N, C-alpha and C. Protein backbone atom coordinates (compact mmCIF):
# COMPACT_ATOMS: atom_id res chain seq x y z
N ASP A 1 1.08 -15.73 -7.95
CA ASP A 1 1.44 -15.32 -6.60
C ASP A 1 0.55 -14.19 -6.11
N TYR A 2 0.58 -13.99 -4.80
CA TYR A 2 -0.19 -12.93 -4.16
C TYR A 2 0.73 -11.91 -3.51
N ILE A 3 0.24 -10.69 -3.41
CA ILE A 3 0.80 -9.65 -2.57
C ILE A 3 -0.22 -9.36 -1.49
N ILE A 4 0.24 -9.16 -0.25
CA ILE A 4 -0.64 -8.72 0.82
C ILE A 4 -0.12 -7.37 1.31
N GLN A 5 -1.02 -6.43 1.54
CA GLN A 5 -0.59 -5.10 1.97
C GLN A 5 -1.59 -4.49 2.93
N ASN A 6 -1.07 -3.68 3.86
CA ASN A 6 -1.94 -2.86 4.69
C ASN A 6 -1.91 -1.42 4.15
N GLY A 7 -2.75 -0.57 4.73
CA GLY A 7 -2.85 0.78 4.18
C GLY A 7 -3.23 0.76 2.71
N ALA A 8 -4.12 -0.17 2.36
CA ALA A 8 -4.42 -0.40 0.94
C ALA A 8 -5.10 0.78 0.27
N ASN A 9 -5.75 1.64 1.05
CA ASN A 9 -6.42 2.79 0.45
C ASN A 9 -5.54 4.03 0.43
N SER A 10 -4.27 3.88 0.79
CA SER A 10 -3.33 4.99 0.66
C SER A 10 -2.97 5.18 -0.81
N GLY A 11 -2.26 6.25 -1.10
CA GLY A 11 -1.83 6.47 -2.48
C GLY A 11 -0.97 5.34 -2.99
N VAL A 12 -0.03 4.88 -2.16
CA VAL A 12 0.81 3.75 -2.54
C VAL A 12 -0.04 2.50 -2.70
N GLY A 13 -0.95 2.28 -1.75
CA GLY A 13 -1.80 1.09 -1.80
C GLY A 13 -2.61 0.99 -3.07
N GLU A 14 -3.22 2.11 -3.47
CA GLU A 14 -4.02 2.11 -4.70
C GLU A 14 -3.13 1.88 -5.92
N ALA A 15 -1.92 2.42 -5.89
CA ALA A 15 -1.00 2.19 -7.01
C ALA A 15 -0.59 0.73 -7.08
N VAL A 16 -0.35 0.11 -5.92
CA VAL A 16 0.02 -1.31 -5.88
C VAL A 16 -1.09 -2.17 -6.46
N VAL A 17 -2.33 -1.87 -6.08
CA VAL A 17 -3.48 -2.63 -6.60
C VAL A 17 -3.50 -2.58 -8.13
N GLN A 18 -3.31 -1.39 -8.67
CA GLN A 18 -3.41 -1.23 -10.12
C GLN A 18 -2.20 -1.81 -10.86
N MET A 19 -1.01 -1.65 -10.28
CA MET A 19 0.17 -2.25 -10.89
C MET A 19 0.07 -3.77 -10.88
N ALA A 20 -0.38 -4.32 -9.74
CA ALA A 20 -0.51 -5.77 -9.63
C ALA A 20 -1.53 -6.30 -10.63
N ARG A 21 -2.64 -5.60 -10.77
CA ARG A 21 -3.68 -6.00 -11.73
C ARG A 21 -3.09 -6.06 -13.14
N ALA A 22 -2.33 -5.04 -13.50
CA ALA A 22 -1.74 -4.98 -14.84
C ALA A 22 -0.72 -6.10 -15.06
N LEU A 23 -0.06 -6.52 -13.99
CA LEU A 23 0.97 -7.56 -14.09
C LEU A 23 0.42 -8.96 -13.85
N GLY A 24 -0.88 -9.06 -13.57
CA GLY A 24 -1.49 -10.36 -13.34
C GLY A 24 -1.22 -10.95 -11.97
N VAL A 25 -0.90 -10.09 -11.00
CA VAL A 25 -0.64 -10.54 -9.63
C VAL A 25 -1.86 -10.24 -8.76
N LYS A 26 -2.28 -11.19 -7.96
CA LYS A 26 -3.44 -11.01 -7.09
C LYS A 26 -3.04 -10.27 -5.82
N THR A 27 -4.02 -9.59 -5.22
CA THR A 27 -3.73 -8.81 -4.02
C THR A 27 -4.73 -9.10 -2.90
N ILE A 28 -4.20 -9.11 -1.68
CA ILE A 28 -5.03 -9.14 -0.47
C ILE A 28 -4.78 -7.81 0.22
N ASN A 29 -5.84 -7.05 0.40
CA ASN A 29 -5.71 -5.66 0.82
C ASN A 29 -6.38 -5.42 2.17
N ILE A 30 -5.62 -4.83 3.09
CA ILE A 30 -6.11 -4.61 4.45
C ILE A 30 -6.41 -3.13 4.64
N ILE A 31 -7.62 -2.84 5.11
CA ILE A 31 -8.03 -1.46 5.40
C ILE A 31 -8.55 -1.40 6.82
N ARG A 32 -8.66 -0.19 7.34
CA ARG A 32 -9.18 -0.02 8.70
C ARG A 32 -10.70 -0.19 8.72
N ASN A 33 -11.20 -0.81 9.78
CA ASN A 33 -12.64 -0.96 9.96
C ASN A 33 -13.17 0.29 10.65
N ARG A 34 -13.52 1.26 9.86
CA ARG A 34 -14.05 2.51 10.39
C ARG A 34 -15.21 2.96 9.52
N GLU A 35 -15.87 4.03 9.91
CA GLU A 35 -17.02 4.51 9.16
C GLU A 35 -16.63 4.78 7.70
N GLY A 36 -17.41 4.23 6.80
CA GLY A 36 -17.16 4.43 5.38
C GLY A 36 -16.24 3.40 4.75
N HIS A 37 -15.88 2.35 5.53
CA HIS A 37 -14.94 1.38 4.96
C HIS A 37 -15.55 0.58 3.81
N GLU A 38 -16.89 0.50 3.77
CA GLU A 38 -17.52 -0.21 2.65
C GLU A 38 -17.26 0.53 1.33
N GLN A 39 -17.31 1.87 1.39
CA GLN A 39 -17.04 2.66 0.19
C GLN A 39 -15.57 2.53 -0.23
N VAL A 40 -14.69 2.48 0.78
CA VAL A 40 -13.27 2.29 0.49
C VAL A 40 -13.04 0.95 -0.20
N ALA A 41 -13.69 -0.09 0.33
CA ALA A 41 -13.56 -1.42 -0.26
C ALA A 41 -14.09 -1.44 -1.69
N ALA A 42 -15.21 -0.76 -1.92
CA ALA A 42 -15.79 -0.73 -3.27
C ALA A 42 -14.85 -0.05 -4.26
N ARG A 43 -14.21 1.03 -3.83
CA ARG A 43 -13.26 1.71 -4.73
C ARG A 43 -12.08 0.80 -5.05
N LEU A 44 -11.55 0.12 -4.03
CA LEU A 44 -10.41 -0.77 -4.26
C LEU A 44 -10.77 -1.90 -5.22
N ARG A 45 -11.97 -2.44 -5.07
CA ARG A 45 -12.40 -3.49 -6.00
C ARG A 45 -12.49 -2.95 -7.42
N ALA A 46 -12.99 -1.72 -7.55
CA ALA A 46 -13.10 -1.12 -8.88
C ALA A 46 -11.71 -0.91 -9.50
N LEU A 47 -10.70 -0.71 -8.65
CA LEU A 47 -9.34 -0.53 -9.14
C LEU A 47 -8.67 -1.85 -9.50
N GLY A 48 -9.28 -2.96 -9.03
CA GLY A 48 -8.72 -4.27 -9.36
C GLY A 48 -8.29 -5.11 -8.18
N ALA A 49 -8.63 -4.69 -6.95
CA ALA A 49 -8.26 -5.47 -5.77
C ALA A 49 -8.91 -6.85 -5.82
N THR A 50 -8.14 -7.89 -5.49
CA THR A 50 -8.67 -9.25 -5.53
C THR A 50 -9.49 -9.56 -4.29
N HIS A 51 -8.90 -9.30 -3.12
CA HIS A 51 -9.58 -9.57 -1.85
C HIS A 51 -9.32 -8.42 -0.88
N ILE A 52 -10.26 -8.23 0.06
CA ILE A 52 -10.14 -7.15 1.03
C ILE A 52 -10.46 -7.68 2.42
N LEU A 53 -9.63 -7.29 3.39
CA LEU A 53 -9.85 -7.60 4.79
C LEU A 53 -9.80 -6.30 5.59
N THR A 54 -10.48 -6.28 6.74
CA THR A 54 -10.33 -5.15 7.65
C THR A 54 -9.33 -5.54 8.74
N ASP A 55 -8.70 -4.54 9.34
CA ASP A 55 -7.63 -4.81 10.29
C ASP A 55 -8.08 -5.62 11.50
N ASP A 56 -9.36 -5.49 11.88
CA ASP A 56 -9.83 -6.23 13.04
C ASP A 56 -10.09 -7.71 12.73
N GLN A 57 -9.98 -8.10 11.48
CA GLN A 57 -10.11 -9.52 11.12
C GLN A 57 -8.79 -10.28 11.28
N LEU A 58 -7.69 -9.56 11.34
CA LEU A 58 -6.38 -10.19 11.38
C LEU A 58 -6.18 -10.98 12.68
N GLY A 59 -5.54 -12.12 12.57
CA GLY A 59 -5.23 -12.93 13.73
C GLY A 59 -6.33 -13.90 14.14
N LYS A 60 -7.49 -13.81 13.49
CA LYS A 60 -8.60 -14.69 13.83
C LYS A 60 -8.53 -15.98 13.02
N ILE A 61 -8.93 -17.08 13.64
CA ILE A 61 -8.87 -18.38 12.98
C ILE A 61 -9.70 -18.38 11.71
N GLU A 62 -10.90 -17.78 11.78
CA GLU A 62 -11.77 -17.78 10.60
C GLU A 62 -11.15 -16.99 9.44
N THR A 63 -10.36 -15.97 9.78
CA THR A 63 -9.69 -15.20 8.73
C THR A 63 -8.59 -16.03 8.08
N LYS A 64 -7.84 -16.76 8.89
CA LYS A 64 -6.80 -17.63 8.35
C LYS A 64 -7.41 -18.68 7.43
N ASP A 65 -8.55 -19.23 7.84
CA ASP A 65 -9.23 -20.22 7.00
C ASP A 65 -9.73 -19.58 5.70
N LEU A 66 -10.21 -18.34 5.81
CA LEU A 66 -10.70 -17.63 4.63
C LEU A 66 -9.57 -17.42 3.62
N VAL A 67 -8.42 -16.98 4.11
CA VAL A 67 -7.28 -16.75 3.22
C VAL A 67 -6.82 -18.06 2.58
N LYS A 68 -6.82 -19.14 3.37
CA LYS A 68 -6.46 -20.45 2.82
C LYS A 68 -7.41 -20.85 1.70
N SER A 69 -8.69 -20.54 1.87
CA SER A 69 -9.67 -20.88 0.83
C SER A 69 -9.43 -20.06 -0.43
N TRP A 70 -9.03 -18.80 -0.27
CA TRP A 70 -8.71 -17.97 -1.44
C TRP A 70 -7.55 -18.57 -2.22
N LEU A 71 -6.51 -18.97 -1.48
CA LEU A 71 -5.33 -19.54 -2.13
C LEU A 71 -5.67 -20.86 -2.82
N ALA A 72 -6.52 -21.66 -2.18
CA ALA A 72 -6.89 -22.96 -2.75
C ALA A 72 -7.65 -22.81 -4.06
N GLN A 73 -8.42 -21.73 -4.17
CA GLN A 73 -9.23 -21.51 -5.37
C GLN A 73 -8.46 -20.82 -6.50
N ALA A 74 -7.27 -20.33 -6.18
CA ALA A 74 -6.50 -19.55 -7.16
C ALA A 74 -5.91 -20.44 -8.25
N GLN A 75 -5.73 -19.84 -9.41
CA GLN A 75 -5.06 -20.52 -10.51
C GLN A 75 -3.55 -20.30 -10.39
N GLY A 76 -2.77 -21.24 -10.85
CA GLY A 76 -1.32 -21.08 -10.84
C GLY A 76 -0.75 -21.17 -9.43
N LYS A 77 0.31 -20.39 -9.18
CA LYS A 77 0.96 -20.41 -7.88
C LYS A 77 0.02 -19.91 -6.80
N LYS A 78 0.13 -20.49 -5.63
CA LYS A 78 -0.80 -20.18 -4.55
C LYS A 78 -0.04 -19.78 -3.29
N GLU A 79 0.83 -18.79 -3.44
CA GLU A 79 1.65 -18.35 -2.32
C GLU A 79 1.58 -16.84 -2.17
N ILE A 80 1.69 -16.39 -0.93
CA ILE A 80 1.78 -14.95 -0.64
C ILE A 80 3.26 -14.66 -0.42
N LYS A 81 3.91 -14.17 -1.45
CA LYS A 81 5.36 -14.03 -1.43
C LYS A 81 5.83 -12.66 -0.95
N LEU A 82 4.95 -11.66 -1.01
CA LEU A 82 5.37 -10.30 -0.68
C LEU A 82 4.34 -9.62 0.20
N GLY A 83 4.80 -8.99 1.27
CA GLY A 83 3.96 -8.18 2.13
C GLY A 83 4.47 -6.75 2.14
N LEU A 84 3.57 -5.78 2.00
CA LEU A 84 3.93 -4.37 2.01
C LEU A 84 3.31 -3.71 3.23
N ASN A 85 4.15 -3.09 4.05
CA ASN A 85 3.72 -2.56 5.34
C ASN A 85 3.99 -1.07 5.46
N CYS A 86 2.94 -0.31 5.75
CA CYS A 86 3.12 1.12 6.04
C CYS A 86 2.48 1.48 7.37
N VAL A 87 2.15 0.46 8.19
CA VAL A 87 1.43 0.69 9.44
C VAL A 87 2.25 0.32 10.66
N GLY A 88 2.72 -0.93 10.72
CA GLY A 88 3.45 -1.40 11.90
C GLY A 88 2.51 -1.93 12.97
N GLY A 89 3.07 -2.27 14.13
CA GLY A 89 2.27 -2.74 15.24
C GLY A 89 1.81 -4.18 15.10
N LYS A 90 0.91 -4.58 15.99
CA LYS A 90 0.44 -5.96 16.06
C LYS A 90 -0.23 -6.42 14.77
N ALA A 91 -0.99 -5.52 14.15
CA ALA A 91 -1.70 -5.90 12.92
C ALA A 91 -0.72 -6.32 11.82
N THR A 92 0.44 -5.67 11.78
CA THR A 92 1.44 -6.05 10.78
C THR A 92 2.08 -7.38 11.11
N THR A 93 2.25 -7.66 12.40
CA THR A 93 2.76 -8.97 12.81
C THR A 93 1.82 -10.06 12.32
N GLU A 94 0.52 -9.84 12.47
CA GLU A 94 -0.46 -10.83 12.01
C GLU A 94 -0.46 -10.93 10.49
N MET A 95 -0.25 -9.82 9.82
CA MET A 95 -0.16 -9.86 8.36
C MET A 95 1.06 -10.68 7.93
N ALA A 96 2.17 -10.50 8.62
CA ALA A 96 3.40 -11.23 8.29
C ALA A 96 3.21 -12.74 8.44
N ARG A 97 2.36 -13.14 9.39
CA ARG A 97 2.11 -14.57 9.59
C ARG A 97 1.47 -15.21 8.36
N MET A 98 0.83 -14.40 7.53
CA MET A 98 0.17 -14.94 6.34
C MET A 98 1.14 -15.17 5.18
N LEU A 99 2.35 -14.65 5.29
CA LEU A 99 3.32 -14.83 4.21
C LEU A 99 3.69 -16.29 4.06
N SER A 100 3.92 -16.69 2.83
CA SER A 100 4.33 -18.07 2.55
C SER A 100 5.81 -18.26 2.87
N LYS A 101 6.25 -19.50 2.80
CA LYS A 101 7.66 -19.80 3.03
C LYS A 101 8.53 -18.98 2.07
N ASN A 102 9.61 -18.42 2.62
CA ASN A 102 10.53 -17.56 1.87
C ASN A 102 9.89 -16.24 1.45
N GLY A 103 8.81 -15.86 2.12
CA GLY A 103 8.17 -14.58 1.83
C GLY A 103 9.01 -13.41 2.30
N HIS A 104 8.67 -12.22 1.82
CA HIS A 104 9.45 -11.02 2.13
C HIS A 104 8.50 -9.91 2.56
N LEU A 105 8.79 -9.32 3.72
CA LEU A 105 8.01 -8.19 4.23
C LEU A 105 8.81 -6.91 4.03
N VAL A 106 8.23 -5.97 3.30
CA VAL A 106 8.89 -4.69 3.05
C VAL A 106 8.13 -3.59 3.78
N THR A 107 8.84 -2.83 4.61
CA THR A 107 8.23 -1.74 5.37
C THR A 107 8.65 -0.41 4.76
N TYR A 108 7.65 0.42 4.42
CA TYR A 108 7.94 1.73 3.85
C TYR A 108 7.28 2.86 4.64
N GLY A 109 6.63 2.51 5.75
CA GLY A 109 5.99 3.51 6.59
C GLY A 109 5.65 2.92 7.95
N ALA A 110 5.25 3.78 8.88
CA ALA A 110 4.92 3.33 10.24
C ALA A 110 3.85 4.23 10.83
N MET A 111 2.69 4.25 10.17
CA MET A 111 1.64 5.19 10.55
C MET A 111 1.10 4.97 11.96
N SER A 112 1.16 3.74 12.45
CA SER A 112 0.65 3.48 13.81
C SER A 112 1.63 3.94 14.87
N ARG A 113 2.88 4.20 14.48
CA ARG A 113 3.96 4.57 15.40
C ARG A 113 4.21 3.49 16.45
N GLN A 114 3.85 2.28 16.10
CA GLN A 114 4.09 1.13 16.97
C GLN A 114 5.22 0.29 16.38
N PRO A 115 6.01 -0.37 17.24
CA PRO A 115 7.13 -1.18 16.73
C PRO A 115 6.65 -2.37 15.91
N LEU A 116 7.47 -2.76 14.97
CA LEU A 116 7.19 -3.95 14.17
C LEU A 116 7.88 -5.14 14.81
N ILE A 117 7.11 -6.14 15.20
CA ILE A 117 7.65 -7.34 15.84
C ILE A 117 7.48 -8.51 14.88
N LEU A 118 8.59 -9.09 14.49
CA LEU A 118 8.57 -10.25 13.60
C LEU A 118 8.98 -11.48 14.40
N PRO A 119 8.04 -12.38 14.71
CA PRO A 119 8.34 -13.55 15.54
C PRO A 119 9.49 -14.38 14.99
N ALA A 120 10.30 -14.90 15.89
CA ALA A 120 11.43 -15.74 15.47
C ALA A 120 10.96 -16.96 14.69
N SER A 121 9.78 -17.47 15.04
CA SER A 121 9.27 -18.67 14.36
C SER A 121 9.10 -18.44 12.86
N LEU A 122 8.69 -17.23 12.47
CA LEU A 122 8.54 -16.92 11.05
C LEU A 122 9.88 -16.92 10.34
N GLN A 123 10.90 -16.46 11.03
CA GLN A 123 12.22 -16.40 10.42
C GLN A 123 12.89 -17.77 10.38
N ILE A 124 12.67 -18.57 11.42
CA ILE A 124 13.32 -19.87 11.50
C ILE A 124 12.63 -20.91 10.61
N PHE A 125 11.32 -21.03 10.77
CA PHE A 125 10.60 -22.13 10.12
C PHE A 125 10.05 -21.77 8.74
N LYS A 126 9.82 -20.48 8.48
CA LYS A 126 9.30 -20.08 7.17
C LYS A 126 10.31 -19.24 6.37
N ASN A 127 11.43 -18.94 7.00
CA ASN A 127 12.47 -18.15 6.34
C ASN A 127 11.93 -16.83 5.79
N VAL A 128 11.03 -16.21 6.56
CA VAL A 128 10.49 -14.91 6.16
C VAL A 128 11.55 -13.83 6.41
N HIS A 129 11.75 -12.99 5.42
CA HIS A 129 12.72 -11.91 5.52
C HIS A 129 11.98 -10.57 5.62
N ALA A 130 12.65 -9.59 6.21
CA ALA A 130 12.07 -8.26 6.34
C ALA A 130 13.12 -7.22 5.98
N SER A 131 12.68 -6.19 5.29
CA SER A 131 13.59 -5.09 4.95
C SER A 131 12.78 -3.80 4.86
N GLY A 132 13.48 -2.69 4.88
CA GLY A 132 12.83 -1.39 4.75
C GLY A 132 13.06 -0.80 3.37
N PHE A 133 12.22 0.16 3.02
CA PHE A 133 12.40 0.85 1.74
C PHE A 133 12.17 2.34 1.94
N TRP A 134 13.14 3.13 1.49
CA TRP A 134 13.04 4.59 1.50
C TRP A 134 13.50 5.07 0.13
N LEU A 135 12.62 5.74 -0.59
CA LEU A 135 12.91 6.10 -1.97
C LEU A 135 14.15 6.99 -2.08
N THR A 136 14.34 7.88 -1.11
CA THR A 136 15.51 8.76 -1.15
C THR A 136 16.80 7.94 -1.13
N ALA A 137 16.85 6.94 -0.25
CA ALA A 137 18.04 6.08 -0.17
C ALA A 137 18.21 5.29 -1.47
N TRP A 138 17.10 4.81 -2.02
CA TRP A 138 17.18 4.06 -3.29
C TRP A 138 17.75 4.94 -4.39
N ASN A 139 17.28 6.18 -4.45
CA ASN A 139 17.79 7.11 -5.47
C ASN A 139 19.28 7.36 -5.30
N ASP A 140 19.72 7.49 -4.04
CA ASP A 140 21.14 7.75 -3.77
C ASP A 140 22.03 6.59 -4.21
N GLU A 141 21.47 5.38 -4.18
CA GLU A 141 22.26 4.19 -4.46
C GLU A 141 22.19 3.75 -5.93
N HIS A 142 21.41 4.46 -6.73
CA HIS A 142 21.26 4.08 -8.13
C HIS A 142 21.59 5.26 -9.04
N SER A 143 22.10 4.95 -10.19
CA SER A 143 22.50 5.98 -11.15
C SER A 143 21.29 6.64 -11.79
N THR A 144 21.55 7.76 -12.46
CA THR A 144 20.47 8.45 -13.18
C THR A 144 19.84 7.52 -14.21
N GLN A 145 20.66 6.75 -14.90
CA GLN A 145 20.14 5.81 -15.90
C GLN A 145 19.25 4.76 -15.26
N GLU A 146 19.68 4.23 -14.11
CA GLU A 146 18.88 3.20 -13.43
C GLU A 146 17.56 3.78 -12.94
N ARG A 147 17.59 5.01 -12.45
CA ARG A 147 16.35 5.64 -12.00
C ARG A 147 15.40 5.85 -13.17
N GLN A 148 15.95 6.26 -14.31
CA GLN A 148 15.12 6.46 -15.49
C GLN A 148 14.53 5.15 -15.98
N GLU A 149 15.32 4.08 -15.92
CA GLU A 149 14.83 2.76 -16.33
C GLU A 149 13.67 2.32 -15.44
N MET A 150 13.78 2.62 -14.13
CA MET A 150 12.69 2.28 -13.21
C MET A 150 11.43 3.05 -13.56
N ILE A 151 11.57 4.36 -13.79
CA ILE A 151 10.42 5.19 -14.13
C ILE A 151 9.79 4.72 -15.44
N ASP A 152 10.63 4.41 -16.43
CA ASP A 152 10.11 3.93 -17.71
C ASP A 152 9.34 2.63 -17.56
N ALA A 153 9.86 1.73 -16.71
CA ALA A 153 9.19 0.44 -16.49
C ALA A 153 7.82 0.64 -15.87
N VAL A 154 7.73 1.57 -14.90
CA VAL A 154 6.44 1.86 -14.27
C VAL A 154 5.47 2.45 -15.28
N LEU A 155 5.94 3.43 -16.05
CA LEU A 155 5.07 4.08 -17.03
C LEU A 155 4.64 3.12 -18.13
N ASP A 156 5.53 2.22 -18.53
CA ASP A 156 5.16 1.23 -19.54
C ASP A 156 4.05 0.32 -19.02
N THR A 157 4.14 -0.06 -17.75
CA THR A 157 3.10 -0.89 -17.16
C THR A 157 1.77 -0.14 -17.10
N MET A 158 1.84 1.14 -16.75
CA MET A 158 0.63 1.95 -16.68
C MET A 158 -0.01 2.14 -18.04
N ASP A 159 0.80 2.05 -19.10
CA ASP A 159 0.29 2.26 -20.46
C ASP A 159 -0.24 0.98 -21.10
N GLU A 160 -0.18 -0.14 -20.37
CA GLU A 160 -0.66 -1.40 -20.93
C GLU A 160 -2.12 -1.26 -21.34
N PRO A 161 -2.48 -1.65 -22.57
CA PRO A 161 -3.88 -1.53 -23.02
C PRO A 161 -4.81 -2.40 -22.19
N GLY A 162 -6.00 -1.87 -21.94
CA GLY A 162 -6.99 -2.63 -21.19
C GLY A 162 -6.89 -2.47 -19.70
N HIS A 163 -5.90 -1.70 -19.21
CA HIS A 163 -5.73 -1.51 -17.77
C HIS A 163 -5.55 -0.03 -17.45
N PRO A 164 -6.60 0.77 -17.66
CA PRO A 164 -6.47 2.21 -17.38
C PRO A 164 -6.21 2.46 -15.89
N PHE A 165 -5.32 3.37 -15.59
CA PHE A 165 -4.99 3.69 -14.22
C PHE A 165 -5.81 4.89 -13.74
N SER A 166 -6.30 4.80 -12.51
CA SER A 166 -7.07 5.89 -11.92
C SER A 166 -6.18 6.68 -10.97
N GLU A 167 -6.37 7.98 -10.93
CA GLU A 167 -5.62 8.81 -10.01
C GLU A 167 -6.15 8.62 -8.59
N VAL A 168 -5.29 8.90 -7.62
CA VAL A 168 -5.69 8.83 -6.22
C VAL A 168 -6.68 9.94 -5.93
N ASN A 169 -7.75 9.62 -5.19
CA ASN A 169 -8.71 10.63 -4.79
C ASN A 169 -8.04 11.61 -3.83
N CYS A 170 -8.04 12.89 -4.17
CA CYS A 170 -7.43 13.88 -3.29
C CYS A 170 -8.05 15.25 -3.56
N THR A 171 -7.81 16.17 -2.64
CA THR A 171 -8.27 17.54 -2.77
C THR A 171 -7.09 18.41 -3.15
N SER A 172 -7.20 19.13 -4.25
CA SER A 172 -6.13 20.02 -4.68
C SER A 172 -6.29 21.38 -4.03
N ASN A 173 -5.23 21.86 -3.41
CA ASN A 173 -5.20 23.18 -2.78
C ASN A 173 -4.28 24.06 -3.62
N MET A 174 -4.86 24.98 -4.36
CA MET A 174 -4.11 25.76 -5.33
C MET A 174 -3.47 27.00 -4.71
N TRP A 175 -2.27 27.32 -5.17
CA TRP A 175 -1.59 28.57 -4.79
C TRP A 175 -0.97 29.16 -6.04
N SER A 176 -1.44 30.34 -6.40
CA SER A 176 -0.90 31.02 -7.57
C SER A 176 0.30 31.87 -7.17
N LEU A 177 1.31 31.90 -8.02
CA LEU A 177 2.51 32.69 -7.74
C LEU A 177 2.20 34.18 -7.70
N THR A 178 1.06 34.56 -8.26
CA THR A 178 0.66 35.97 -8.23
C THR A 178 -0.27 36.28 -7.06
N GLU A 179 -0.56 35.24 -6.27
CA GLU A 179 -1.50 35.40 -5.15
C GLU A 179 -0.84 36.18 -4.02
N THR A 180 -1.63 37.06 -3.40
CA THR A 180 -1.12 37.79 -2.25
C THR A 180 -1.42 37.00 -0.98
N GLY A 181 -0.63 37.22 0.05
CA GLY A 181 -0.83 36.49 1.29
C GLY A 181 0.44 35.75 1.67
N ASP A 182 0.38 35.08 2.80
CA ASP A 182 1.55 34.39 3.34
C ASP A 182 1.54 32.93 2.90
N LEU A 183 2.52 32.54 2.10
CA LEU A 183 2.60 31.18 1.58
C LEU A 183 2.76 30.16 2.70
N GLN A 184 3.61 30.47 3.67
CA GLN A 184 3.86 29.53 4.76
C GLN A 184 2.60 29.26 5.56
N THR A 185 1.82 30.31 5.83
CA THR A 185 0.57 30.14 6.57
C THR A 185 -0.40 29.25 5.80
N ARG A 186 -0.49 29.50 4.50
CA ARG A 186 -1.40 28.70 3.66
C ARG A 186 -0.96 27.24 3.62
N LEU A 187 0.35 27.02 3.51
CA LEU A 187 0.87 25.66 3.47
C LEU A 187 0.60 24.93 4.78
N LEU A 188 0.77 25.61 5.89
CA LEU A 188 0.51 25.00 7.20
C LEU A 188 -0.96 24.65 7.36
N GLU A 189 -1.84 25.47 6.79
CA GLU A 189 -3.28 25.18 6.84
C GLU A 189 -3.58 23.87 6.11
N VAL A 190 -2.94 23.68 4.96
CA VAL A 190 -3.16 22.45 4.19
C VAL A 190 -2.61 21.24 4.93
N VAL A 191 -1.43 21.39 5.54
CA VAL A 191 -0.84 20.29 6.31
C VAL A 191 -1.75 19.93 7.48
N GLN A 192 -2.29 20.93 8.16
CA GLN A 192 -3.20 20.68 9.28
C GLN A 192 -4.44 19.93 8.80
N LYS A 193 -4.96 20.32 7.65
CA LYS A 193 -6.12 19.65 7.09
C LYS A 193 -5.80 18.19 6.77
N ALA A 194 -4.60 17.96 6.23
CA ALA A 194 -4.20 16.61 5.84
C ALA A 194 -4.02 15.69 7.03
N THR A 195 -3.63 16.25 8.18
CA THR A 195 -3.38 15.43 9.36
C THR A 195 -4.60 15.32 10.27
N THR A 196 -5.71 15.90 9.85
CA THR A 196 -6.95 15.81 10.62
C THR A 196 -7.86 14.77 9.99
N ALA A 197 -8.33 13.83 10.80
CA ALA A 197 -9.15 12.73 10.30
C ALA A 197 -10.39 13.26 9.58
N GLY A 198 -10.74 12.59 8.49
CA GLY A 198 -11.96 12.92 7.78
C GLY A 198 -11.80 13.86 6.61
N ASN A 199 -10.61 14.44 6.46
CA ASN A 199 -10.40 15.40 5.37
C ASN A 199 -9.84 14.78 4.11
N GLY A 200 -9.46 13.52 4.17
CA GLY A 200 -8.93 12.85 3.00
C GLY A 200 -7.54 13.34 2.64
N LYS A 201 -7.08 12.94 1.48
CA LYS A 201 -5.73 13.29 1.03
C LYS A 201 -5.71 14.70 0.45
N GLN A 202 -4.66 15.44 0.76
CA GLN A 202 -4.53 16.82 0.32
C GLN A 202 -3.27 16.98 -0.54
N VAL A 203 -3.38 17.76 -1.60
CA VAL A 203 -2.23 18.07 -2.45
C VAL A 203 -2.12 19.59 -2.56
N PHE A 204 -0.90 20.09 -2.35
CA PHE A 204 -0.65 21.53 -2.46
C PHE A 204 -0.04 21.79 -3.83
N VAL A 205 -0.73 22.56 -4.65
CA VAL A 205 -0.31 22.80 -6.03
C VAL A 205 0.05 24.27 -6.21
N MET A 206 1.29 24.51 -6.66
CA MET A 206 1.73 25.89 -6.91
C MET A 206 1.74 26.13 -8.42
N LYS A 207 1.15 27.24 -8.84
CA LYS A 207 1.13 27.59 -10.26
C LYS A 207 1.70 28.98 -10.46
C-alpha cells in the first residue's frame, strides 16, 4: 500500500517517510514548488521517500497518469489507502482525489488556513473517509499504559536494523538557566525567526 502526504518536508513528514520505509510502505510526498525544492526533494529521497510531487502538479491530467503508472509498477497491493494532511485548501482536495476506494484522509494541521473541501463524489462513490488528529486529545482518551505502548512501538520501529533514522534539520537556540537577560524576549525572538520564511525550523533548548 501507499501513503500520500503533503507538507512532506515538515518534521512530521520526514518522520512519516522514515517510519513508512521501515515498515515497507511506499510514500508519495508533496512539497511546495519554491526556491530550493530540488534540495528538499533530494533530502526526502535520502530518507526513503518513494515518489515526490510539487503542489502545482496536483489536479493535472499528466500527474494523475503519472501516479497511475507508479501504482501499476508497484509490487503487491497497489492502493493509496491513507492521506496525511497538514495544509488544507484546494491542493488537499486534489490530494484526496488520489486516494483509493475506502481510503482515509487524516488532517493534523492547516498551514494554508484554507478550508478543507471533500467532494461528495469521493464519499459516495469511493467511500473516502476523513478525520482529524490532535495528539493532546489522543492522550486524554488513552491510558498511561496505552500511551507507553504507542511510544514503545514507535521506538521499536526506529530501532529496526538497517533503517537508521535521521533527525529533522533544525537550528537549536540555546538558553542557559544561568544566562542573564529576559527569557520571554529571547523566546519571542526565536518564535519570530521560526515564522519568517527562509529561516528553517527552530528549536528552543533550555539547559
